[in-house]
Amino acid sequence: MTYHIGLSKQGKTLIIEAVRCIDYLGCEIYDYMGERETTKKHLKAHRYEFLAWLKNWKPDVYGNLRYAVIS
């Protein structure tokens, strides 16, 4: 399936928003990762690898996060 991926934060948690229509992404996302061919099951299984990559990519934004969830 194709999902639009948006990233937001809540406390020390990364919120990975995966929605079928871009209009359903939250208005307070930090980064839009584009349209991806994936599943929510795959995102959930690899969410901490993705969080580690984000910490290296933008440490000033994502460096203090410890948890990751898919919504």
Protein backbone atom coordinates (compact mmCIF):
# COMPACT_ATOMS: atom_id res chain seq x y z
CA MET A 1 0.00 0.00 0.00
CA THR A 2 1.05 3.57 -0.53
CA TYR A 3 1.22 5.82 2.53
CA HIS A 4 2.15 9.45 3.08
CA ILE A 5 4.61 9.58 5.99
CA GLY A 6 4.76 12.54 8.37
CA LEU A 7 6.80 12.87 11.56
CA SER A 8 5.78 14.63 14.73
CA LYS A 9 6.85 14.55 18.38
CA GLN A 10 5.08 14.29 21.70
CA GLY A 11 7.35 14.48 24.71
CA LYS A 12 10.11 11.91 24.15
CA THR A 13 8.08 9.98 21.58
CA LEU A 14 8.36 10.08 17.80
CA ILE A 15 4.96 9.83 16.13
CA ILE A 16 5.21 8.31 12.65
CA GLU A 17 2.00 9.21 10.87
CA ALA A 18 1.17 6.90 7.95
CA VAL A 19 -1.97 7.90 6.07
CA ARG A 20 -3.41 6.98 2.68
CA CYS A 21 -4.40 10.59 1.84
CA ILE A 22 -2.02 13.49 2.45
CA ASP A 23 -4.94 15.60 3.68
CA TYR A 24 -5.15 13.42 6.83
CA LEU A 25 -1.64 14.21 8.06
CA GLY A 26 -1.54 16.24 11.26
CA CYS A 27 -0.94 19.95 10.93
CA GLU A 28 2.02 19.94 13.35
CA ILE A 29 4.40 17.58 11.56
CA TYR A 30 8.13 18.35 11.68
CA ASP A 31 9.04 16.54 8.48
CA TYR A 32 7.15 15.07 5.55
CA MET A 33 8.94 11.97 4.28
CA GLY A 34 6.92 11.65 1.10
CA GLU A 35 4.82 8.92 -0.40
CA ARG A 36 6.14 5.43 0.37
CA GLU A 37 5.18 1.92 -0.67
CA THR A 38 5.05 0.13 2.71
CA THR A 39 2.78 -1.37 5.34
CA LYS A 40 2.09 -0.27 8.89
CA LYS A 41 3.31 -3.68 10.05
CA HIS A 42 6.69 -3.03 8.39
CA LEU A 43 6.88 0.48 9.85
CA LYS A 44 6.11 -0.85 13.33
CA ALA A 45 8.75 -3.58 13.04
CA HIS A 46 11.47 -1.09 11.99
CA ARG A 47 10.44 2.02 13.92
CA TYR A 48 13.49 2.08 16.20
CA GLU A 49 15.89 1.69 13.27
CA PHE A 50 14.13 4.66 11.67
CA LEU A 51 14.38 6.63 14.93
CA ALA A 52 18.13 5.94 15.07
CA TRP A 53 18.50 7.19 11.48
CA LEU A 54 16.50 10.34 12.30
CA LYS A 55 18.71 11.06 15.31
CA ASN A 56 21.74 11.06 13.00
CA TRP A 57 19.95 13.01 10.24
CA LYS A 58 18.59 15.84 12.42
CA PRO A 59 20.00 15.52 15.95
CA ASP A 60 18.75 18.96 16.96
CA VAL A 61 15.13 17.92 16.22
CA TYR A 62 15.04 14.19 17.02
CA GLY A 63 18.09 13.70 19.27
CA ASN A 64 16.24 13.60 22.60
CA LEU A 65 13.55 11.08 21.54
CA ARG A 66 13.49 7.62 23.12
CA TYR A 67 10.30 5.98 21.84
CA ALA A 68 8.53 5.60 18.50
CA VAL A 69 4.93 4.79 17.63
CA ILE A 70 2.97 4.42 14.40
CA SER A 71 -0.36 6.15 13.94
